Amino acid sequence: MNVPFVITCLVIIALLIYTAYRQTQRINQRIAELDEERQRNPLDPFSALMELYRLQEDHRRGKRE
């Protein structure tokens, strides 16, 4: 068995696991921030619907932002 190769692979695997863990923590933190923001400023469904209609009309007319 090639010991340096195995050690190198284990180091790479450990780095990948650490990176995945850090990314998961960042995503969870961002989700928590968005939830807090949403609780402070609840979304008005009617204004959101009007905004979607406006964007749809702009797209039909060729006004892409």
N, C-alpha and C. Protein backbone atom coordinates (compact mmCIF):
# COMPACT_ATOMS: atom_id res chain seq x y z
N MET A 1 0.85 -1.17 0.00
CA MET A 1 0.00 0.00 0.00
C MET A 1 0.90 1.24 0.00
N ASN A 2 0.47 2.23 -0.71
CA ASN A 2 1.22 3.47 -0.84
C ASN A 2 0.77 4.43 0.28
N VAL A 3 1.56 4.52 1.35
CA VAL A 3 1.19 5.28 2.54
C VAL A 3 1.08 6.78 2.26
N PRO A 4 2.03 7.41 1.56
CA PRO A 4 1.87 8.85 1.30
C PRO A 4 0.60 9.19 0.52
N PHE A 5 0.23 8.32 -0.42
CA PHE A 5 -0.99 8.55 -1.19
C PHE A 5 -2.22 8.49 -0.29
N VAL A 6 -2.26 7.52 0.60
CA VAL A 6 -3.39 7.37 1.52
C VAL A 6 -3.47 8.58 2.45
N ILE A 7 -2.34 9.02 2.97
CA ILE A 7 -2.33 10.18 3.86
C ILE A 7 -2.79 11.42 3.12
N THR A 8 -2.33 11.60 1.89
CA THR A 8 -2.75 12.75 1.08
C THR A 8 -4.25 12.72 0.84
N CYS A 9 -4.77 11.55 0.50
CA CYS A 9 -6.22 11.42 0.27
C CYS A 9 -7.01 11.73 1.54
N LEU A 10 -6.53 11.27 2.69
CA LEU A 10 -7.22 11.53 3.94
C LEU A 10 -7.21 13.02 4.27
N VAL A 11 -6.11 13.71 3.98
CA VAL A 11 -6.05 15.15 4.22
C VAL A 11 -7.03 15.87 3.30
N ILE A 12 -7.09 15.48 2.04
CA ILE A 12 -8.02 16.09 1.10
C ILE A 12 -9.46 15.86 1.54
N ILE A 13 -9.77 14.64 1.97
CA ILE A 13 -11.12 14.32 2.44
C ILE A 13 -11.47 15.16 3.66
N ALA A 14 -10.52 15.31 4.59
CA ALA A 14 -10.77 16.12 5.79
C ALA A 14 -11.03 17.58 5.41
N LEU A 15 -10.26 18.11 4.46
CA LEU A 15 -10.48 19.48 4.01
C LEU A 15 -11.85 19.65 3.35
N LEU A 16 -12.25 18.68 2.56
CA LEU A 16 -13.57 18.75 1.92
C LEU A 16 -14.69 18.69 2.95
N ILE A 17 -14.54 17.85 3.95
CA ILE A 17 -15.55 17.76 5.00
C ILE A 17 -15.63 19.07 5.77
N TYR A 18 -14.48 19.64 6.10
CA TYR A 18 -14.45 20.92 6.81
C TYR A 18 -15.11 22.02 5.98
N THR A 19 -14.80 22.07 4.69
CA THR A 19 -15.38 23.07 3.80
C THR A 19 -16.91 22.90 3.73
N ALA A 20 -17.37 21.67 3.61
CA ALA A 20 -18.81 21.42 3.57
C ALA A 20 -19.47 21.85 4.87
N TYR A 21 -18.82 21.59 6.00
CA TYR A 21 -19.36 21.99 7.30
C TYR A 21 -19.46 23.51 7.40
N ARG A 22 -18.42 24.22 6.99
CA ARG A 22 -18.41 25.69 7.05
C ARG A 22 -19.50 26.27 6.14
N GLN A 23 -19.65 25.73 4.94
CA GLN A 23 -20.68 26.21 4.02
C GLN A 23 -22.07 25.98 4.60
N THR A 24 -22.27 24.84 5.24
CA THR A 24 -23.56 24.55 5.86
C THR A 24 -23.85 25.54 6.97
N GLN A 25 -22.84 25.87 7.77
CA GLN A 25 -23.02 26.84 8.85
C GLN A 25 -23.37 28.22 8.28
N ARG A 26 -22.70 28.63 7.21
CA ARG A 26 -22.99 29.93 6.59
C ARG A 26 -24.40 29.98 6.03
N ILE A 27 -24.81 28.90 5.37
CA ILE A 27 -26.16 28.85 4.81
C ILE A 27 -27.20 28.92 5.92
N ASN A 28 -26.99 28.16 6.99
CA ASN A 28 -27.93 28.17 8.11
C ASN A 28 -27.99 29.55 8.76
N GLN A 29 -26.85 30.21 8.87
CA GLN A 29 -26.83 31.56 9.44
C GLN A 29 -27.60 32.53 8.55
N ARG A 30 -27.41 32.43 7.25
CA ARG A 30 -28.12 33.32 6.31
C ARG A 30 -29.62 33.06 6.35
N ILE A 31 -30.02 31.80 6.46
CA ILE A 31 -31.44 31.47 6.55
C ILE A 31 -32.03 32.06 7.83
N ALA A 32 -31.30 31.96 8.94
CA ALA A 32 -31.78 32.55 10.20
C ALA A 32 -31.92 34.06 10.08
N GLU A 33 -30.97 34.72 9.41
CA GLU A 33 -31.06 36.17 9.21
C GLU A 33 -32.27 36.53 8.36
N LEU A 34 -32.52 35.76 7.31
CA LEU A 34 -33.68 36.02 6.46
C LEU A 34 -34.98 35.80 7.22
N ASP A 35 -35.03 34.77 8.05
CA ASP A 35 -36.23 34.54 8.85
C ASP A 35 -36.50 35.69 9.82
N GLU A 36 -35.43 36.19 10.45
CA GLU A 36 -35.60 37.34 11.35
C GLU A 36 -36.09 38.57 10.58
N GLU A 37 -35.53 38.80 9.42
CA GLU A 37 -35.95 39.95 8.60
C GLU A 37 -37.40 39.80 8.16
N ARG A 38 -37.78 38.60 7.81
CA ARG A 38 -39.15 38.35 7.36
C ARG A 38 -40.13 38.55 8.52
N GLN A 39 -39.72 38.21 9.74
CA GLN A 39 -40.59 38.41 10.89
C GLN A 39 -40.76 39.90 11.20
N ARG A 40 -39.71 40.69 10.99
CA ARG A 40 -39.80 42.12 11.24
C ARG A 40 -40.62 42.82 10.16
N ASN A 41 -40.49 42.39 8.91
CA ASN A 41 -41.20 43.01 7.79
C ASN A 41 -41.96 41.93 7.03
N PRO A 42 -43.15 41.59 7.49
CA PRO A 42 -43.90 40.53 6.79
C PRO A 42 -44.24 40.96 5.37
N LEU A 43 -44.25 40.01 4.51
CA LEU A 43 -44.52 40.26 3.09
C LEU A 43 -46.01 40.47 2.87
N ASP A 44 -46.32 41.55 2.21
CA ASP A 44 -47.70 41.81 1.83
C ASP A 44 -47.98 41.04 0.54
N PRO A 45 -48.84 40.04 0.57
CA PRO A 45 -49.03 39.20 -0.62
C PRO A 45 -49.60 39.98 -1.81
N PHE A 46 -50.39 40.99 -1.57
CA PHE A 46 -50.98 41.73 -2.68
C PHE A 46 -49.94 42.60 -3.38
N SER A 47 -49.06 43.24 -2.61
CA SER A 47 -48.01 44.04 -3.26
C SER A 47 -47.02 43.14 -3.97
N ALA A 48 -46.76 41.95 -3.42
CA ALA A 48 -45.86 41.02 -4.09
C ALA A 48 -46.49 40.54 -5.41
N LEU A 49 -47.78 40.30 -5.40
CA LEU A 49 -48.47 39.88 -6.61
C LEU A 49 -48.47 40.97 -7.66
N MET A 50 -48.68 42.21 -7.24
CA MET A 50 -48.64 43.33 -8.19
C MET A 50 -47.24 43.50 -8.77
N GLU A 51 -46.21 43.29 -7.96
CA GLU A 51 -44.84 43.38 -8.46
C GLU A 51 -44.58 42.29 -9.50
N LEU A 52 -45.09 41.09 -9.26
CA LEU A 52 -44.93 40.01 -10.25
C LEU A 52 -45.66 40.35 -11.55
N TYR A 53 -46.87 40.90 -11.45
CA TYR A 53 -47.60 41.30 -12.65
C TYR A 53 -46.84 42.39 -13.41
N ARG A 54 -46.28 43.36 -12.67
CA ARG A 54 -45.52 44.43 -13.31
C ARG A 54 -44.30 43.87 -14.04
N LEU A 55 -43.59 42.96 -13.41
CA LEU A 55 -42.41 42.36 -14.05
C LEU A 55 -42.81 41.56 -15.29
N GLN A 56 -43.96 40.88 -15.20
CA GLN A 56 -44.44 40.10 -16.33
C GLN A 56 -44.81 41.02 -17.50
N GLU A 57 -45.47 42.12 -17.21
CA GLU A 57 -45.83 43.08 -18.26
C GLU A 57 -44.59 43.71 -18.88
N ASP A 58 -43.62 44.07 -18.04
CA ASP A 58 -42.37 44.63 -18.57
C ASP A 58 -41.66 43.64 -19.48
N HIS A 59 -41.71 42.38 -19.10
CA HIS A 59 -41.07 41.35 -19.92
C HIS A 59 -41.79 41.21 -21.27
N ARG A 60 -43.11 41.24 -21.23
CA ARG A 60 -43.88 41.13 -22.48
C ARG A 60 -43.62 42.31 -23.40
N ARG A 61 -43.46 43.49 -22.83
CA ARG A 61 -43.23 44.68 -23.63
C ARG A 61 -41.79 44.86 -24.05
N GLY A 62 -40.92 44.02 -23.52
CA GLY A 62 -39.51 44.08 -23.90
C GLY A 62 -38.65 44.97 -23.03
N LYS A 63 -39.15 45.37 -21.88
CA LYS A 63 -38.37 46.22 -20.96
C LYS A 63 -37.67 45.32 -19.96
N ARG A 64 -36.59 44.73 -20.35
CA ARG A 64 -35.86 43.86 -19.44
C ARG A 64 -34.90 44.68 -18.61
N GLU A 65 -34.91 44.37 -17.32
CA GLU A 65 -34.02 45.12 -16.41
C GLU A 65 -32.70 44.43 -16.27
